[in-house]
C-alpha atoms as a PDB file:
ATOM      1  CA  UNK A   1       6.221  20.421  31.710  1.00  0.00           C
ATOM      2  CA  UNK A   2       8.660  18.159  33.280  1.00  0.00           C
ATOM      3  CA  UNK A   3       8.071  16.417  36.677  1.00  0.00           C
ATOM      4  CA  UNK A   4      11.123  16.398  38.841  1.00  0.00           C
ATOM      5  CA  UNK A   5      12.079  14.170  41.901  1.00  0.00           C
ATOM      6  CA  UNK A   6      10.251  16.262  44.619  1.00  0.00           C
ATOM      7  CA  UNK A   7       6.981  16.432  42.557  1.00  0.00           C
ATOM      8  CA  UNK A   8       6.870  12.735  42.042  1.00  0.00           C
ATOM      9  CA  UNK A   9       7.591  12.038  45.804  1.00  0.00           C
ATOM     10  CA  UNK A  10       4.805  14.445  46.747  1.00  0.00           C
ATOM     11  CA  UNK A  11       2.273  12.825  44.260  1.00  0.00           C
ATOM     12  CA  UNK A  12       3.276   9.384  45.795  1.00  0.00           C
ATOM     13  CA  UNK A  13       2.683  10.592  49.380  1.00  0.00           C
ATOM     14  CA  UNK A  14      -0.742  12.106  48.487  1.00  0.00           C
ATOM     15  CA  UNK A  15      -1.908   9.030  46.760  1.00  0.00           C
ATOM     16  CA  UNK A  16      -0.683   6.750  49.652  1.00  0.00           C
ATOM     17  CA  UNK A  17      -2.621   9.037  52.127  1.00  0.00           C
ATOM     18  CA  UNK A  18      -5.690   8.964  50.056  1.00  0.00           C
ATOM     19  CA  UNK A  19      -5.829   5.419  49.218  1.00  0.00           C
ATOM     20  CA  UNK A  20      -3.775   3.671  51.858  1.00  0.00           C
ATOM     21  CA  UNK A  21      -1.239   1.016  51.785  1.00  0.00           C
ATOM     22  CA  UNK A  22      -3.733  -1.834  51.120  1.00  0.00           C
ATOM     23  CA  UNK A  23      -5.578  -0.330  48.193  1.00  0.00           C
ATOM     24  CA  UNK A  24      -2.417   1.001  46.470  1.00  0.00           C
ATOM     25  CA  UNK A  25      -1.441  -2.501  44.835  1.00  0.00           C
ATOM     26  CA  UNK A  26      -4.997  -2.987  43.582  1.00  0.00           C
ATOM     27  CA  UNK A  27      -5.012   0.563  42.086  1.00  0.00           C
ATOM     28  CA  UNK A  28      -1.664   0.163  40.412  1.00  0.00           C
ATOM     29  CA  UNK A  29      -2.779  -3.225  39.009  1.00  0.00           C
ATOM     30  CA  UNK A  30      -5.976  -1.576  37.634  1.00  0.00           C
ATOM     31  CA  UNK A  31      -3.942   1.258  35.975  1.00  0.00           C
ATOM     32  CA  UNK A  32      -1.470  -1.172  34.540  1.00  0.00           C
ATOM     33  CA  UNK A  33      -4.145  -3.353  32.945  1.00  0.00           C
ATOM     34  CA  UNK A  34      -5.940  -0.262  31.579  1.00  0.00           C
ATOM     35  CA  UNK A  35      -2.651   0.866  29.942  1.00  0.00           C
ATOM     36  CA  UNK A  36      -2.140  -2.463  28.481  1.00  0.00           C
ATOM     37  CA  UNK A  37      -5.473  -2.565  27.081  1.00  0.00           C
ATOM     38  CA  UNK A  38      -5.089   0.995  25.675  1.00  0.00           C
ATOM     39  CA  UNK A  39      -1.694   0.111  23.976  1.00  0.00           C
ATOM     40  CA  UNK A  40      -3.274  -3.077  22.560  1.00  0.00           C
ATOM     41  CA  UNK A  41      -6.104  -1.053  21.093  1.00  0.00           C
ATOM     42  CA  UNK A  42      -3.870   1.606  19.690  1.00  0.00           C
ATOM     43  CA  UNK A  43      -1.590  -1.043  18.068  1.00  0.00           C
ATOM     44  CA  UNK A  44      -4.602  -2.710  16.537  1.00  0.00           C
ATOM     45  CA  UNK A  45      -6.036   0.448  15.081  1.00  0.00           C
ATOM     46  CA  UNK A  46      -2.370   1.207  13.666  1.00  0.00           C
ATOM     47  CA  UNK A  47      -2.230  -2.196  12.074  1.00  0.00           C
ATOM     48  CA  UNK A  48      -5.580  -1.894  10.533  1.00  0.00           C
ATOM     49  CA  UNK A  49      -4.814   1.543   9.041  1.00  0.00           C
ATOM     50  CA  UNK A  50      -1.451   0.357   7.746  1.00  0.00           C
ATOM     51  CA  UNK A  51      -3.044  -2.801   6.198  1.00  0.00           C
ATOM     52  CA  UNK A  52      -5.786  -0.589   4.416  1.00  0.00           C
ATOM     53  CA  UNK A  53      -2.944   1.681   3.123  1.00  0.00           C
ATOM     54  CA  UNK A  54      -1.123  -1.431   1.815  1.00  0.00           C
ATOM     55  CA  UNK A  55      -4.277  -2.886   0.133  1.00  0.00           C
ATOM     56  CA  UNK A  56      -5.350   0.371  -1.492  1.00  0.00           C
ATOM     57  CA  UNK A  57      -1.938   1.419  -2.638  1.00  0.00           C
ATOM     58  CA  UNK A  58      -2.041   1.005  -6.532  1.00  0.00           C
ATOM     59  CA  UNK A  59       1.513   0.664  -8.189  1.00  0.00           C
ATOM     60  CA  UNK A  60       2.056   3.195 -10.934  1.00  0.00           C
ATOM     61  CA  UNK A  61       1.210   2.003 -14.291  1.00  0.00           C
ATOM     62  CA  UNK A  62       3.877   0.504 -16.500  1.00  0.00           C
ATOM     63  CA  UNK A  63       4.870   2.469 -19.442  1.00  0.00           C
ATOM     64  CA  UNK A  64       4.405   0.415 -22.678  1.00  0.00           C
ATOM     65  CA  UNK A  65       5.314   1.497 -26.046  1.00  0.00           C
ATOM     66  CA  UNK A  66       2.248   1.695 -28.309  1.00  0.00           C
ATOM     67  CA  UNK A  67       2.361  -1.093 -30.877  1.00  0.00           C
ATOM     68  CA  UNK A  68       2.243   0.117 -34.492  1.00  0.00           C
ATOM     69  CA  UNK A  69      -0.568  -1.891 -35.816  1.00  0.00           C
ATOM     70  CA  UNK A  70      -1.552   0.188 -38.800  1.00  0.00           C
ATOM     71  CA  UNK A  71      -3.997  -1.453 -41.160  1.00  0.00           C
ATOM     72  CA  UNK A  72      -2.410  -2.547 -44.490  1.00  0.00           C
ATOM     73  CA  UNK A  73      -3.116   0.103 -47.172  1.00  0.00           C
ATOM     74  CA  UNK A  74      -5.168  -0.755 -50.063  1.00  0.00           C
ATOM     75  CA  UNK A  75      -2.527  -0.382 -52.695  1.00  0.00           C
ATOM     76  CA  UNK A  76      -0.311  -3.011 -50.951  1.00  0.00           C
ATOM     77  CA  UNK A  77      -3.052  -5.360 -50.728  1.00  0.00           C
ATOM     78  CA  UNK A  78      -4.298  -4.904 -54.349  1.00  0.00           C
ATOM     79  CA  UNK A  79      -0.741  -5.490 -55.470  1.00  0.00           C
ATOM     80  CA  UNK A  80      -0.359  -8.674 -53.379  1.00  0.00           C
ATOM     81  CA  UNK A  81      -3.601 -10.053 -54.552  1.00  0.00           C
ATOM     82  CA  UNK A  82      -2.602  -9.312 -58.203  1.00  0.00           C
ATOM     83  CA  UNK A  83       0.719 -11.330 -57.665  1.00  0.00           C
ATOM     84  CA  UNK A  84      -1.158 -14.242 -55.810  1.00  0.00           C
ATOM     85  CA  UNK A  85      -3.582 -14.525 -58.938  1.00  0.00           C
ATOM     86  CA  UNK A  86      -0.828 -14.465 -61.685  1.00  0.00           C
ATOM     87  CA  UNK A  87       2.390 -15.856 -60.307  1.00  0.00           C
ATOM     88  CA  UNK A  88       3.710 -16.586 -63.793  1.00  0.00           C
ATOM     89  CA  UNK A  89       3.096 -13.149 -65.056  1.00  0.00           C
ATOM     90  CA  UNK A  90       4.830 -11.251 -62.103  1.00  0.00           C
ATOM     91  CA  UNK A  91       7.943 -13.566 -62.543  1.00  0.00           C
ATOM     92  CA  UNK A  92       7.922 -12.933 -66.281  1.00  0.00           C
ATOM     93  CA  UNK A  93       7.806  -9.142 -65.888  1.00  0.00           C
ATOM     94  CA  UNK A  94      10.730  -9.287 -63.525  1.00  0.00           C
ATOM     95  CA  UNK A  95      12.893 -11.069 -65.759  1.00  0.00           C
ATOM     96  CA  UNK A  96      13.909  -9.443 -69.264  1.00  0.00           C
END
């Protein structure tokens, strides 16, 4: 529904007849202040919603490769302990 020029002129004439020439500027000023306050309130609400969205937005978790921290096997640790106890015997076994 669009208002054309004839409809706007008719509305202005009716408002002018109802409120008079002296009250019309006061009425327009009040409407302007009301619209300004309404826009300010809607902008405040939009900013609050946007800041809430920004704060609660959680970035996706980073993909990390699992570290291979397998415990040493019992065979390896027992061989290492034997070598550390008898360093001379292990060197003599290796050389003929």
